[in-house]
C-alpha atoms as a PDB file:
ATOM      1  CA  MET A   1       0.000   0.000   0.000  1.00  0.00           C
ATOM      2  CA  SER A   2       2.854   2.382   0.814  1.00  0.00           C
ATOM      3  CA  LEU A   3       4.264   1.993  -2.695  1.00  0.00           C
ATOM      4  CA  LEU A   4       0.892   2.961  -4.114  1.00  0.00           C
ATOM      5  CA  TYR A   5       0.683   6.106  -1.951  1.00  0.00           C
ATOM      6  CA  MET A   6       4.222   7.051  -2.968  1.00  0.00           C
ATOM      7  CA  LEU A   7       3.594   6.551  -6.699  1.00  0.00           C
ATOM      8  CA  ALA A   8       0.365   8.572  -6.560  1.00  0.00           C
ATOM      9  CA  TYR A   9       2.231  11.333  -4.705  1.00  0.00           C
ATOM     10  CA  ILE A  10       5.056  11.388  -7.265  1.00  0.00           C
ATOM     11  CA  LEU A  11       2.661  11.502 -10.211  1.00  0.00           C
ATOM     12  CA  ASN A  12       0.350  14.161  -8.737  1.00  0.00           C
ATOM     13  CA  GLY A  13       2.949  16.187  -6.843  1.00  0.00           C
ATOM     14  CA  SER A  14       0.902  16.042  -3.645  1.00  0.00           C
ATOM     15  CA  ASN A  15      -1.372  13.837  -1.580  1.00  0.00           C
ATOM     16  CA  ILE A  16      -4.580  15.110  -3.150  1.00  0.00           C
ATOM     17  CA  TRP A  17      -6.582  12.574  -1.142  1.00  0.00           C
ATOM     18  CA  LEU A  18      -5.667  14.437   2.085  1.00  0.00           C
ATOM     19  CA  GLY A  19      -7.518  17.526   0.940  1.00  0.00           C
ATOM     20  CA  ASP A  20      -6.616  20.572   3.017  1.00  0.00           C
ATOM     21  CA  LEU A  21      -5.277  18.548   5.969  1.00  0.00           C
ATOM     22  CA  LYS A  22      -1.863  19.817   7.103  1.00  0.00           C
ATOM     23  CA  PRO A  23       0.748  18.050   9.282  1.00  0.00           C
ATOM     24  CA  THR A  24       0.433  20.923  11.744  1.00  0.00           C
ATOM     25  CA  ASP A  25      -3.305  20.298  12.259  1.00  0.00           C
ATOM     26  CA  ALA A  26      -4.369  18.910  15.641  1.00  0.00           C
ATOM     27  CA  GLY A  27      -4.899  15.145  15.468  1.00  0.00           C
ATOM     28  CA  TYR A  28      -3.201  14.934  12.061  1.00  0.00           C
ATOM     29  CA  PHE A  29      -2.181  11.260  12.257  1.00  0.00           C
ATOM     30  CA  ARG A  30      -5.580  10.166  13.575  1.00  0.00           C
ATOM     31  CA  LYS A  31      -7.281  12.064  10.740  1.00  0.00           C
ATOM     32  CA  VAL A  32      -4.939  10.560   8.131  1.00  0.00           C
ATOM     33  CA  GLY A  33      -5.806   7.097   9.486  1.00  0.00           C
ATOM     34  CA  GLN A  34      -9.522   7.841   9.209  1.00  0.00           C
ATOM     35  CA  ILE A  35      -9.120   9.082   5.640  1.00  0.00           C
ATOM     36  CA  LYS A  36      -7.095   5.986   4.673  1.00  0.00           C
ATOM     37  CA  LYS A  37      -9.825   3.691   6.034  1.00  0.00           C
ATOM     38  CA  GLN A  38     -12.318   5.291   3.627  1.00  0.00           C
ATOM     39  CA  LEU A  39      -9.923   5.658   0.704  1.00  0.00           C
ATOM     40  CA  THR A  40     -10.643   3.808  -2.546  1.00  0.00           C
ATOM     41  CA  ALA A  41      -8.700   3.326  -5.768  1.00  0.00           C
ATOM     42  CA  GLU A  42     -11.044   5.840  -7.421  1.00  0.00           C
ATOM     43  CA  LYS A  43     -10.313   8.521  -4.810  1.00  0.00           C
ATOM     44  CA  LEU A  44      -6.564   7.903  -4.795  1.00  0.00           C
ATOM     45  CA  CYS A  45      -5.957   7.591  -8.527  1.00  0.00           C
ATOM     46  CA  VAL A  46      -6.945  10.978  -9.876  1.00  0.00           C
ATOM     47  CA  HIS A  47      -5.300  13.378 -12.305  1.00  0.00           C
ATOM     48  CA  GLU A  48      -1.837  12.129 -13.306  1.00  0.00           C
ATOM     49  CA  ALA A  49      -2.162   9.038 -11.063  1.00  0.00           C
ATOM     50  CA  LEU A  50      -5.225   7.800 -12.980  1.00  0.00           C
ATOM     51  CA  CYS A  51      -2.909   5.386 -14.830  1.00  0.00           C
ATOM     52  CA  LEU A  52      -2.444   3.500 -11.523  1.00  0.00           C
ATOM     53  CA  LYS A  53      -6.132   2.741 -11.045  1.00  0.00           C
ATOM     54  CA  GLU A  54      -5.982  -0.931 -12.106  1.00  0.00           C
ATOM     55  CA  PHE A  55      -2.908  -1.521  -9.909  1.00  0.00           C
ATOM     56  CA  ALA A  56      -4.574   0.341  -7.032  1.00  0.00           C
ATOM     57  CA  SER A  57      -7.776  -1.685  -7.348  1.00  0.00           C
ATOM     58  CA  GLU A  58      -5.751  -4.882  -7.034  1.00  0.00           C
ATOM     59  CA  VAL A  59      -3.814  -3.537  -4.018  1.00  0.00           C
ATOM     60  CA  PHE A  60      -7.038  -2.489  -2.268  1.00  0.00           C
ATOM     61  CA  ARG A  61      -8.474  -6.004  -2.799  1.00  0.00           C
ATOM     62  CA  ILE A  62      -5.633  -7.654  -0.870  1.00  0.00           C
ATOM     63  CA  GLY A  63      -6.599  -8.547   2.685  1.00  0.00           C
ATOM     64  CA  PHE A  64      -4.264  -7.745   5.581  1.00  0.00           C
ATOM     65  CA  TYR A  65      -3.262 -11.375   6.126  1.00  0.00           C
ATOM     66  CA  GLU A  66      -3.345 -12.327   2.439  1.00  0.00           C
ATOM     67  CA  GLN A  67      -0.213 -13.115   0.443  1.00  0.00           C
ATOM     68  CA  PRO A  68      -0.072 -10.622  -2.473  1.00  0.00           C
ATOM     69  CA  ASN A  69       0.232 -11.953  -6.003  1.00  0.00           C
ATOM     70  CA  TYR A  70       3.509 -10.153  -6.682  1.00  0.00           C
ATOM     71  CA  ALA A  71       3.730 -11.403 -10.270  1.00  0.00           C
ATOM     72  CA  LYS A  72       0.336  -9.851 -11.046  1.00  0.00           C
ATOM     73  CA  LEU A  73       1.233  -6.579  -9.302  1.00  0.00           C
ATOM     74  CA  LYS A  74       4.537  -6.400 -11.193  1.00  0.00           C
ATOM     75  CA  HIS A  75       2.670  -7.080 -14.447  1.00  0.00           C
ATOM     76  CA  LEU A  76       0.210  -4.249 -13.728  1.00  0.00           C
ATOM     77  CA  LEU A  77       3.016  -1.770 -13.010  1.00  0.00           C
ATOM     78  CA  THR A  78       4.915  -2.875 -16.113  1.00  0.00           C
ATOM     79  CA  LYS A  79       1.730  -2.360 -18.125  1.00  0.00           C
ATOM     80  CA  VAL A  80       1.509   1.219 -16.785  1.00  0.00           C
ATOM     81  CA  LEU A  81       5.099   1.896 -17.849  1.00  0.00           C
ATOM     82  CA  LEU A  82       4.511   0.522 -21.337  1.00  0.00           C
ATOM     83  CA  GLU A  83       1.327   2.583 -21.719  1.00  0.00           C
ATOM     84  CA  GLN A  84       3.442   5.653 -20.868  1.00  0.00           C
ATOM     85  CA  ASN A  85       5.990   4.644 -23.550  1.00  0.00           C
ATOM     86  CA  GLN A  86       8.559   3.808 -20.886  1.00  0.00           C
ATOM     87  CA  ILE A  87      10.734   0.730 -21.239  1.00  0.00           C
ATOM     88  CA  PRO A  88      11.008  -1.172 -17.950  1.00  0.00           C
ATOM     89  CA  ASN A  89      14.644  -2.143 -18.516  1.00  0.00           C
ATOM     90  CA  GLN A  90      15.867  -1.514 -14.968  1.00  0.00           C
ATOM     91  CA  ILE A  91      18.591   0.843 -16.194  1.00  0.00           C
ATOM     92  CA  PHE A  92      18.672   3.835 -13.896  1.00  0.00           C
ATOM     93  CA  ASP A  93      20.678   7.067 -13.961  1.00  0.00           C
ATOM     94  CA  TRP A  94      22.839   5.779 -11.140  1.00  0.00           C
ATOM     95  CA  SER A  95      23.454   2.497 -12.985  1.00  0.00           C
ATOM     96  CA  THR A  96      25.210   4.181 -15.893  1.00  0.00           C
ATOM     97  CA  PHE A  97      26.799   7.185 -14.195  1.00  0.00           C
ATOM     98  CA  LYS A  98      30.583   7.085 -14.278  1.00  0.00           C
ATOM     99  CA  PHE A  99      31.815   8.278 -10.918  1.00  0.00           C
ATOM    100  CA  PRO A 100      35.090  10.202 -11.089  1.00  0.00           C
ATOM    101  CA  ARG A 101      38.024   8.433  -9.517  1.00  0.00           C
ATOM    102  CA  LEU A 102      39.419   9.860  -6.326  1.00  0.00           C
ATOM    103  CA  LYS A 103      43.050  10.911  -6.440  1.00  0.00           C
ATOM    104  CA  SER A 104      43.888   8.363  -3.769  1.00  0.00           C
ATOM    105  CA  GLU A 105      42.608   5.521  -6.007  1.00  0.00           C
ATOM    106  CA  GLY A 106      45.481   6.074  -8.473  1.00  0.00           C
END
């Protein structure tokens, strides 16, 4: 579930589902918990995060004690990447960056 919240945040630039709730508000964590209990894939996956709706629906279906079907979840995320014309090749900026040698390394 945390991965889903993080991806929605990255895509939207904020936690839209929190509305106007601020970390400085009294009872913030209790209120966040209440909001999360009522949260659905439809409410979470809005605007730029709409592409995550199928993945989110699957995540919300998983019971607390249930073993997730990781292959299916990976497939759904890969599908999102492909629909966004992104190649899921696992090559990241930090994988190809050539770090300069330190003088002490010779």
